[in-house]
Structure formats: C-alpha cells, structure tokens
Amino acid sequence: MDLASQLQNLSALKPTSATYASDFVEHLLAAAKHVGASDVHLQPVGAFLEIRWRVDGVLQTLGRFSPGDASNIVARLKVLAELLTYRTDIPQEGRIRYGEEGVEMRVSTFPTLYGERAVVRIFAAHGALLHLAELGLPEEIEIALIRLMAESSGALIITGPAGSGKTTTAYACLREVVRSSGQGRSVVTLEDPIEAALPGVAQAQVNRSVDFTLATGLRSLMRQDPEVVLVGEIRDRSTAEAAFQAALTGHLVVTTFHSGSAAGAVSRLSDMGIEPYVLRSGVLAIVCQRLVRKLCLCKRPSQDSRDRLGLPVASWHTPVGCDQCRGVGYRGRMVLAEMLAPHPSDVERAILSREAVAVLEDLAVRAGMTTLRQRALRAVEAGSTSPAEVRRIFGFLDVQTEQT
C-alpha cells in the first residue's frame, strides 16, 4: 500500500469507533515505517492531535486528527509500551516491538497544557544495521576506522549533534569488530537506551531507578573480562573518567559525545575535567559527523548567486521536487565526517597546552584532516546537496562565507 493510501486510511477512521485508537496507531506506524521516519510526534492542540514525523532529519506535518472519542490514540501507544495509562501528569518512557520484522520503537510521553504529548522514536529494523563500508564515510576515514577496530586499547570518540548518526556509526564499528575477529573478542555495551540488538555482542541498558548508571555500570563491567566496550554516550565527568580509565587499562572503548567538531570535543572533555595527558594518551581518534539530505535527481543547476547563500563554491544545484522525492527535492541522506588523530606531535602539544579550538583545528588540518566545512562545500560543488541544506545543518556561523 502506498503512502497516500495509508494517510487516506487515517482520515477515513471514525473517532467514535471502539477500535479507532488501535486502528489509527496501526496505520500511522505502518506509514511512518514506509517513509523511513525516525520520529513521530503526536502533539495535542486544543481538541485535536497534530501529527508530524521526521524524515531525513526534517519534521513534516501530516495534519490534525481527532484523539478519539471511545478510545484514545496516546493511551493506545501507552498500552503498547506498557506504560501507566492512568498517569497523565508525569513523563513516561517505554518500548514497543512493531511488525513482523520486530522493529524497536521507544515511546516517550510528556504532560502539556492540552494533554499528553507523545513521541515515538523508530529504531532500525533487525538486520538493517550497516557495516562500516555501507555508511558512505570518506574512504580515508572508513579505512582508518577498520584499522582502529583491530586495536587492543584506546578510545574512539564519535561526536556530533543529536540526530547526526553517531549511534549508527558506533554500531557499525562493533559489527566490524565481531566480523574481523570471528566473534573471538569479548564485546560488551552499556547503553541508554539499547537501540538495536547486535549479534555477538553482550548489551546492557542503564536503569537509574536502581542507581545502574553509565558510570557505575562501566566500573562493574570491567570485572566482566571485556576487550571491546561501547559506552552509549559520555554525558558527565564520572562517565568520561570511567571510559578513559578503561581505555588506558587495555580495553578498546567506542563511545559517543555531543560536540560541534572534532577539535571542539577535545575542549569540551577538557572543560569536564579530563586531564590533557589522559586525552593525549587515551584517545585513538575523534570522528565528528553530520547528516545532510541528498538532492533528488530532479535537481537543477543554478546560476543565481542568491541560491548560493554566500558559500564559496564554484557550482551549485537547487531542489525541484517530483513524485520520486514526494515533492521535497531531496531523497535520502549522506554523511559528512572529519577525523582528528591526536598523535602528530604538533597536535599532541596543542592538547597538552590546552590550546583554543581554532588553533587545534588548524594544526589538525596541517596534519592532513579535512574539515566538515570543506566536505560540505565539496558536496555542494558535486551536486550531492544544496547550499540551503548546508545552511540548514551548519547554520551561518559554522561554514565559511564568501568575503565581500
């Protein structure tokens, strides 16, 4: 069934029906899976429920629907996620497994002025996780990551803003470890939450209600004879210290971290209280990445300098829109990435001296690093994406503008 038919089915449902909520949720989740949505938002607005979903990183509005008379849509989601339906005054989180493929979904509810807001995060289907060679990373970074996954100690930090694909890359790294070792290495994870099951990997999820946090769990995990450890995300000093202690004592650690650039990650970790000598000795590499939408084949080259939006590029294309891309002008996303290795001597000295982010990045570039900004401009000139998309992702401060 195509998307138009699925959305038509939503509008045709009768709010007075006893099965309205269950039918609505079934059709909505099927449609979201069909278009490849990563999140579905259900926002109460007055007497209606506004439905939006995020496709290729962009929120799109489906419309406003009745929350249901005889049955309630958000309540149905809570039942599926095994949440307390009678508590509408507190935030709740749960998980559901949808469809024959067993797609994992996380349901989060939150009380608002007009009622409960719900967001469904849709994780990758079982078997749909990617290997490193399938991520579309720059060739030199892909080769470097494959080599790093053979190391016996040190930390690989994958950084970027929310929604930049960090977990996808981290999972691909673990799959590379399992593949290359023939499951001959002990691979464990500590996540918040577990987003997908990884064959050959022992996965654990934190539980703050019993003080099973990332930091406390990681310390206990060290007594489980691990060789490779995935720490879901470094969010505080205690987690960072535990992760680097593991990296410095004979464990390969893969972790994610929020930062706008690879050099910026060094500065943020230093601000957290991680000593420079620990960063220099413990970090194997820092990969920073962003996801940008790819132009559909209906794109057109532009000669209008206004479409360039001030980017210093020699050629550029603009989105058009067609049936294949559902009129948005983009289809799918591509990854832009930079990798900073702290081992060239100049970079090491800069880390030890707590140099500013700009100085550290300049030294890394001199040592051979291609920055995110450079990759973004190259993608525009290659016609892979548009200036507008680069501006949407990077803003007007993070990408060099043309001097006037």
Protein backbone atom coordinates (compact mmCIF):
# COMPACT_ATOMS: atom_id res chain seq x y z
CA MET A 1 0.00 0.00 0.00
CA ASP A 2 1.41 3.42 -0.94
CA LEU A 3 1.76 6.40 1.39
CA ALA A 4 -1.23 8.29 0.00
CA SER A 5 -3.48 5.30 0.64
CA GLN A 6 -2.14 4.90 4.18
CA LEU A 7 -2.80 8.56 5.01
CA GLN A 8 -6.24 8.28 3.43
CA ASN A 9 -6.93 5.40 5.78
CA LEU A 10 -6.09 7.61 8.75
CA SER A 11 -8.56 10.29 7.67
CA ALA A 12 -11.26 7.70 6.99
CA LEU A 13 -11.21 6.26 10.52
CA LYS A 14 -14.20 7.15 12.72
CA PRO A 15 -13.28 8.65 16.13
CA THR A 16 -16.46 7.19 17.64
CA SER A 17 -15.39 3.64 16.84
CA ALA A 18 -14.22 1.46 19.73
CA THR A 19 -11.24 0.37 17.61
CA TYR A 20 -10.36 3.90 16.42
CA ALA A 21 -7.19 4.29 18.51
CA SER A 22 -5.77 0.85 17.75
CA ASP A 23 -6.53 1.21 14.03
CA PHE A 24 -5.06 4.72 13.93
CA VAL A 25 -1.83 3.66 15.64
CA GLU A 26 -1.51 0.65 13.35
CA HIS A 27 -1.90 2.73 10.18
CA LEU A 28 0.31 5.57 11.50
CA LEU A 29 3.22 3.32 12.43
CA ALA A 30 2.94 1.45 9.12
CA ALA A 31 3.06 4.75 7.21
CA ALA A 32 6.00 6.01 9.29
CA LYS A 33 7.92 2.83 8.62
CA HIS A 34 7.02 3.09 4.90
CA VAL A 35 8.54 6.58 4.52
CA GLY A 36 11.55 5.83 6.74
CA ALA A 37 10.60 8.27 9.50
CA SER A 38 12.90 8.35 12.51
CA ASP A 39 10.41 10.01 14.88
CA VAL A 40 6.64 10.50 15.04
CA HIS A 41 5.28 13.45 17.06
CA LEU A 42 1.75 13.48 18.46
CA GLN A 43 1.06 16.95 19.84
CA PRO A 44 -2.28 17.87 21.49
CA VAL A 45 -3.54 21.20 20.11
CA GLY A 46 -6.88 22.16 21.58
CA ALA A 47 -9.37 19.42 20.72
CA PHE A 48 -7.09 17.88 18.09
CA LEU A 49 -3.94 15.83 17.87
CA GLU A 50 -1.37 17.28 15.45
CA ILE A 51 0.71 14.53 13.83
CA ARG A 52 4.18 15.20 12.46
CA TRP A 53 7.08 12.94 11.59
CA ARG A 54 10.78 13.43 10.95
CA VAL A 55 12.03 12.18 7.57
CA ASP A 56 15.69 12.69 6.62
CA GLY A 57 16.06 14.90 9.68
CA VAL A 58 13.21 17.29 8.79
CA LEU A 59 9.84 17.48 10.55
CA GLN A 60 6.86 17.20 8.20
CA THR A 61 3.24 17.80 9.19
CA LEU A 62 0.63 15.18 8.33
CA GLY A 63 -2.33 17.08 9.72
CA ARG A 64 -4.66 17.34 12.69
CA PHE A 65 -6.77 14.38 13.76
CA SER A 66 -9.23 13.55 16.49
CA PRO A 67 -7.55 11.95 19.52
CA GLY A 68 -10.55 9.60 19.69
CA ASP A 69 -13.88 9.52 21.50
CA ALA A 70 -14.42 5.92 22.55
CA SER A 71 -10.66 5.22 22.58
CA ASN A 72 -7.60 7.47 22.79
CA ILE A 73 -4.58 7.36 20.46
CA VAL A 74 -1.94 8.31 23.04
CA ALA A 75 -3.44 5.91 25.55
CA ARG A 76 -3.17 3.15 22.95
CA LEU A 77 0.53 3.88 22.48
CA LYS A 78 0.98 3.74 26.25
CA VAL A 79 -0.70 0.34 26.39
CA LEU A 80 1.61 -1.00 23.69
CA ALA A 81 4.63 0.42 25.54
CA GLU A 82 3.41 -0.99 28.87
CA LEU A 83 3.13 2.46 30.47
CA LEU A 84 0.70 3.60 33.16
CA THR A 85 -2.38 4.79 31.27
CA TYR A 86 -3.94 6.34 34.39
CA ARG A 87 -0.92 8.62 34.96
CA THR A 88 -1.14 11.56 32.57
CA ASP A 89 0.62 14.04 34.84
CA ILE A 90 4.18 12.64 34.65
CA PRO A 91 6.65 11.88 31.84
CA GLN A 92 6.96 8.19 30.98
CA GLU A 93 9.12 6.09 28.64
CA GLY A 94 8.63 2.62 27.26
CA ARG A 95 9.36 0.40 24.28
CA ILE A 96 7.27 -1.48 21.75
CA ARG A 97 8.17 -4.03 19.10
CA TYR A 98 6.26 -3.45 15.87
CA GLY A 99 5.50 -5.65 12.87
CA GLU A 100 6.80 -8.99 11.68
CA GLU A 101 10.34 -7.59 11.43
CA GLY A 102 10.26 -6.68 15.11
CA VAL A 103 11.13 -3.01 14.64
CA GLU A 104 12.04 -1.48 18.01
CA MET A 105 10.32 1.77 18.94
CA ARG A 106 10.70 3.97 22.01
CA VAL A 107 7.59 5.79 23.25
CA SER A 108 8.02 8.92 25.35
CA THR A 109 5.08 10.81 26.85
CA PHE A 110 5.08 14.27 28.41
CA PRO A 111 2.26 16.28 30.07
CA THR A 112 1.39 19.57 28.30
CA LEU A 113 -1.27 22.28 28.54
CA TYR A 114 -3.78 20.43 26.34
CA GLY A 115 -2.94 16.87 27.34
CA GLU A 116 -0.22 14.28 26.86
CA ARG A 117 2.29 14.73 24.07
CA ALA A 118 3.86 11.55 22.72
CA VAL A 119 6.93 10.98 20.58
CA VAL A 120 7.76 7.62 19.01
CA ARG A 121 11.41 7.05 18.11
CA ILE A 122 11.75 4.35 15.45
CA PHE A 123 14.96 2.36 15.53
CA ALA A 124 16.48 0.34 12.71
CA ALA A 125 14.77 -2.93 11.85
CA HIS A 126 16.51 -6.13 12.85
CA GLY A 127 19.11 -6.93 10.22
CA ALA A 128 19.04 -3.39 8.78
CA LEU A 129 22.11 -2.16 10.66
CA LEU A 130 25.01 -1.14 8.47
CA HIS A 131 28.64 -2.18 8.25
CA LEU A 132 31.36 0.47 8.03
CA ALA A 133 31.66 0.02 4.27
CA GLU A 134 27.96 0.83 3.88
CA LEU A 135 27.89 4.11 5.80
CA GLY A 136 29.22 6.24 2.94
CA LEU A 137 32.05 7.65 5.04
CA PRO A 138 35.02 9.27 3.29
CA GLU A 139 37.33 6.48 2.17
CA GLU A 140 40.26 7.51 4.36
CA ILE A 141 38.05 7.61 7.47
CA GLU A 142 36.48 4.24 6.67
CA ILE A 143 39.94 2.67 6.27
CA ALA A 144 41.14 4.30 9.49
CA LEU A 145 38.13 3.03 11.47
CA ILE A 146 38.61 -0.53 10.22
CA ARG A 147 42.26 -0.33 11.34
CA LEU A 148 41.34 1.18 14.73
CA MET A 149 38.85 -1.62 15.44
CA ALA A 150 41.82 -4.01 15.48
CA GLU A 151 43.50 -2.06 18.30
CA SER A 152 43.57 -3.54 21.78
CA SER A 153 43.25 -0.32 23.79
CA GLY A 154 42.35 3.33 23.50
CA ALA A 155 39.17 5.29 22.86
CA LEU A 156 37.37 6.10 19.63
CA ILE A 157 35.06 9.06 20.21
CA ILE A 158 32.23 9.62 17.72
CA THR A 159 30.83 13.10 18.10
CA GLY A 160 28.26 15.41 16.59
CA PRO A 161 24.88 16.94 17.45
CA ALA A 162 21.74 14.92 18.15
CA GLY A 163 20.49 13.09 15.08
CA SER A 164 23.83 13.04 13.29
CA GLY A 165 24.09 9.24 13.09
CA LYS A 166 26.60 8.71 15.90
CA THR A 167 24.99 5.51 17.19
CA THR A 168 24.74 4.09 13.66
CA THR A 169 28.49 4.58 13.21
CA ALA A 170 29.25 3.17 16.68
CA TYR A 171 27.18 0.05 15.96
CA ALA A 172 28.94 -0.35 12.59
CA CYS A 173 32.28 -0.25 14.41
CA LEU A 174 31.17 -3.05 16.74
CA ARG A 175 29.93 -5.11 13.81
CA GLU A 176 33.39 -4.69 12.27
CA VAL A 177 34.99 -6.00 15.49
CA VAL A 178 32.70 -9.04 15.51
CA ARG A 179 33.27 -9.68 11.79
CA SER A 180 37.04 -9.28 11.79
CA SER A 181 37.56 -11.33 14.95
CA GLY A 182 35.11 -14.10 14.07
CA GLN A 183 33.44 -13.41 17.43
CA GLY A 184 36.79 -14.13 19.06
CA ARG A 185 36.76 -10.95 21.17
CA SER A 186 34.60 -10.16 24.19
CA VAL A 187 32.42 -7.22 23.10
CA VAL A 188 30.03 -5.57 25.59
CA THR A 189 27.94 -2.41 25.62
CA LEU A 190 26.38 -0.11 28.20
CA GLU A 191 23.64 1.96 26.58
CA ASP A 192 20.86 4.41 27.36
CA PRO A 193 18.81 3.03 25.69
CA ILE A 194 19.69 -0.04 23.61
CA GLU A 195 18.63 0.91 20.09
CA ALA A 196 19.05 -2.45 18.33
CA ALA A 197 20.26 -5.97 19.05
CA LEU A 198 23.81 -6.71 17.86
CA PRO A 199 24.68 -10.39 17.24
CA GLY A 200 27.85 -11.43 19.03
CA VAL A 201 27.64 -8.51 21.48
CA ALA A 202 26.51 -8.54 25.14
CA GLN A 203 24.34 -5.44 25.55
CA ALA A 204 23.16 -3.82 28.78
CA GLN A 205 20.87 -0.87 29.41
CA VAL A 206 21.17 1.56 32.33
CA ASN A 207 18.47 1.74 34.98
CA ARG A 208 18.69 4.90 37.06
CA SER A 209 15.89 3.80 39.38
CA VAL A 210 18.33 1.29 40.94
CA ASP A 211 21.42 3.51 40.51
CA PHE A 212 22.62 1.49 37.50
CA THR A 213 24.09 4.46 35.63
CA LEU A 214 26.63 4.62 32.82
CA ALA A 215 29.43 5.41 35.27
CA THR A 216 28.57 2.74 37.89
CA GLY A 217 27.73 0.16 35.24
CA LEU A 218 31.00 0.73 33.41
CA ARG A 219 33.02 0.15 36.57
CA SER A 220 31.21 -3.13 37.18
CA LEU A 221 31.57 -4.07 33.52
CA MET A 222 35.35 -4.03 33.88
CA ARG A 223 35.02 -7.19 36.02
CA GLN A 224 33.27 -8.99 33.13
CA ASP A 225 36.53 -9.56 31.22
CA PRO A 226 35.65 -7.28 28.27
CA GLU A 227 38.01 -6.50 25.42
CA VAL A 228 35.86 -4.04 23.48
CA VAL A 229 33.38 -1.74 25.25
CA LEU A 230 30.73 0.56 23.81
CA VAL A 231 29.71 3.35 26.19
CA GLY A 232 26.43 4.70 24.82
CA GLU A 233 27.21 8.36 25.45
CA ILE A 234 29.53 10.42 27.62
CA ARG A 235 27.32 12.94 29.41
CA ASP A 236 29.20 13.79 32.59
CA ARG A 237 32.63 13.76 34.19
CA SER A 238 32.18 10.47 36.06
CA THR A 239 31.25 8.60 32.88
CA ALA A 240 34.13 10.22 30.99
CA GLU A 241 36.62 9.28 33.71
CA ALA A 242 35.41 5.67 33.79
CA ALA A 243 35.55 5.40 29.99
CA PHE A 244 39.10 6.77 29.78
CA GLN A 245 40.23 4.59 32.68
CA ALA A 246 39.05 1.59 30.66
CA ALA A 247 40.78 2.89 27.53
CA LEU A 248 44.06 3.31 29.41
CA THR A 249 43.98 -0.13 31.03
CA GLY A 250 43.88 -2.39 28.00
CA HIS A 251 40.36 -2.02 26.59
CA LEU A 252 39.19 -0.71 23.23
CA VAL A 253 36.42 1.80 24.01
CA VAL A 254 33.93 3.15 21.48
CA THR A 255 31.75 5.99 22.72
CA THR A 256 29.64 8.92 21.53
CA PHE A 257 29.73 12.53 22.65
CA HIS A 258 27.94 15.76 21.78
CA SER A 259 30.20 18.32 20.13
CA GLY A 260 30.16 20.53 17.05
CA SER A 261 33.60 19.49 15.80
CA ALA A 262 36.39 17.03 16.50
CA ALA A 263 38.60 19.77 17.95
CA GLY A 264 35.65 21.04 19.96
CA ALA A 265 35.29 17.60 21.57
CA VAL A 266 38.81 17.91 22.99
CA SER A 267 37.94 21.28 24.50
CA ARG A 268 34.64 20.05 25.97
CA LEU A 269 36.25 16.99 27.54
CA SER A 270 38.97 19.19 28.98
CA ASP A 271 36.30 21.51 30.42
CA MET A 272 34.70 18.43 32.02
CA GLY A 273 37.89 17.93 33.98
CA ILE A 274 39.63 15.26 31.88
CA GLU A 275 43.35 15.95 32.10
CA PRO A 276 45.16 16.77 28.83
CA TYR A 277 47.65 13.92 29.29
CA VAL A 278 44.71 11.49 29.53
CA LEU A 279 43.26 12.82 26.28
CA ARG A 280 46.61 12.61 24.52
CA SER A 281 47.31 9.06 25.72
CA GLY A 282 43.80 7.62 25.75
CA VAL A 283 42.23 8.89 22.53
CA LEU A 284 42.86 6.94 19.34
CA ALA A 285 40.78 9.28 17.18
CA ILE A 286 37.79 11.61 17.27
CA VAL A 287 35.27 11.42 14.43
CA CYS A 288 32.77 14.25 14.08
CA GLN A 289 29.91 13.79 11.65
CA ARG A 290 26.74 15.40 10.30
CA LEU A 291 23.98 14.11 8.04
CA VAL A 292 22.77 16.23 5.12
CA ARG A 293 19.94 15.46 2.73
CA LYS A 294 20.91 14.40 -0.79
CA LEU A 295 19.39 16.19 -3.74
CA CYS A 296 16.94 14.14 -5.78
CA LEU A 297 17.68 13.53 -9.47
CA CYS A 298 15.12 16.24 -10.26
CA LYS A 299 17.66 18.87 -9.07
CA ARG A 300 18.65 21.68 -11.39
CA PRO A 301 21.91 23.66 -11.70
CA SER A 302 21.63 27.30 -10.71
CA GLN A 303 23.38 30.44 -11.90
CA ASP A 304 21.60 32.69 -9.41
CA SER A 305 24.12 33.80 -6.80
CA ARG A 306 21.30 34.21 -4.29
CA ASP A 307 20.86 30.41 -4.30
CA ARG A 308 24.49 30.07 -3.27
CA LEU A 309 23.69 31.70 0.12
CA GLY A 310 27.19 33.12 0.40
CA LEU A 311 29.02 29.79 0.22
CA PRO A 312 32.41 29.95 -1.55
CA VAL A 313 31.53 27.37 -4.22
CA ALA A 314 32.05 27.42 -7.99
CA SER A 315 28.86 25.50 -8.84
CA TRP A 316 25.66 24.59 -7.06
CA HIS A 317 22.26 22.98 -7.57
CA THR A 318 18.81 23.68 -6.15
CA PRO A 319 16.00 21.25 -5.26
CA VAL A 320 12.97 20.99 -7.56
CA GLY A 321 10.60 18.27 -6.37
CA CYS A 322 8.99 15.32 -8.14
CA ASP A 323 6.94 12.20 -7.42
CA GLN A 324 10.04 10.21 -6.51
CA CYS A 325 11.01 12.60 -3.70
CA ARG A 326 7.38 13.40 -2.76
CA GLY A 327 7.87 16.98 -3.87
CA VAL A 328 10.59 17.94 -1.37
CA GLY A 329 13.56 17.83 -3.77
CA TYR A 330 15.66 15.54 -1.58
CA ARG A 331 15.96 11.75 -1.26
CA GLY A 332 17.94 10.12 1.50
CA ARG A 333 20.91 11.49 3.41
CA MET A 334 24.69 11.35 3.20
CA VAL A 335 27.28 11.58 5.95
CA LEU A 336 29.91 14.29 6.18
CA ALA A 337 32.75 13.49 8.57
CA GLU A 338 36.10 14.67 9.85
CA MET A 339 38.65 12.71 11.88
CA LEU A 340 41.17 14.14 14.31
CA ALA A 341 44.01 11.91 15.47
CA PRO A 342 45.90 13.35 18.47
CA HIS A 343 49.21 11.73 17.61
CA PRO A 344 51.07 14.10 15.27
CA SER A 345 53.49 15.92 17.58
CA ASP A 346 52.06 19.41 16.97
CA VAL A 347 48.53 18.24 17.76
CA GLU A 348 49.73 16.43 20.89
CA ARG A 349 51.47 19.57 22.16
CA ALA A 350 48.35 21.64 21.47
CA ILE A 351 46.23 19.22 23.51
CA LEU A 352 48.71 19.25 26.40
CA SER A 353 48.84 23.05 26.28
CA ARG A 354 45.02 23.36 26.26
CA GLU A 355 45.16 25.42 23.08
CA ALA A 356 41.99 27.05 21.74
CA VAL A 357 39.71 25.03 19.44
CA ALA A 358 40.67 27.12 16.39
CA VAL A 359 44.40 26.52 16.99
CA LEU A 360 43.91 22.78 17.47
CA GLU A 361 41.78 22.51 14.33
CA ASP A 362 44.32 24.46 12.27
CA LEU A 363 47.12 22.12 13.38
CA ALA A 364 44.96 19.08 12.59
CA VAL A 365 44.27 20.45 9.10
CA ARG A 366 48.00 20.95 8.55
CA ALA A 367 48.46 17.31 9.60
CA GLY A 368 46.00 16.21 6.89
CA MET A 369 42.50 16.48 8.37
CA THR A 370 39.71 17.51 6.01
CA THR A 371 37.15 19.51 7.99
CA LEU A 372 33.38 19.16 7.95
CA ARG A 373 33.13 22.59 6.33
CA GLN A 374 35.43 21.55 3.49
CA ARG A 375 33.45 18.35 2.92
CA ALA A 376 30.19 20.29 2.90
CA LEU A 377 31.45 22.70 0.24
CA ARG A 378 32.74 19.81 -1.87
CA ALA A 379 29.35 18.08 -1.61
CA VAL A 380 27.63 21.25 -2.87
CA GLU A 381 30.00 21.58 -5.82
CA ALA A 382 29.50 17.90 -6.67
CA GLY A 383 25.74 18.44 -6.80
CA SER A 384 25.15 15.98 -3.97
CA THR A 385 23.41 18.52 -1.77
CA SER A 386 22.36 22.16 -1.90
CA PRO A 387 23.59 25.38 -0.27
CA ALA A 388 20.24 25.64 1.52
CA GLU A 389 20.70 22.20 3.06
CA VAL A 390 24.26 23.01 4.18
CA ARG A 391 22.97 26.19 5.80
CA ARG A 392 20.15 24.28 7.48
CA ILE A 393 22.58 21.83 9.04
CA PHE A 394 25.57 24.06 9.77
CA GLY A 395 23.91 27.46 10.19
CA PHE A 396 25.53 30.68 9.07
CA LEU A 397 28.35 30.69 11.62
CA ASP A 398 29.84 27.21 11.18
CA VAL A 399 30.50 27.40 7.44
CA GLN A 400 32.94 29.88 5.94
CA THR A 401 31.15 32.57 3.95
CA GLU A 402 32.34 34.40 0.91
CA GLN A 403 34.22 37.58 1.64
CA THR A 404 32.51 40.67 0.25
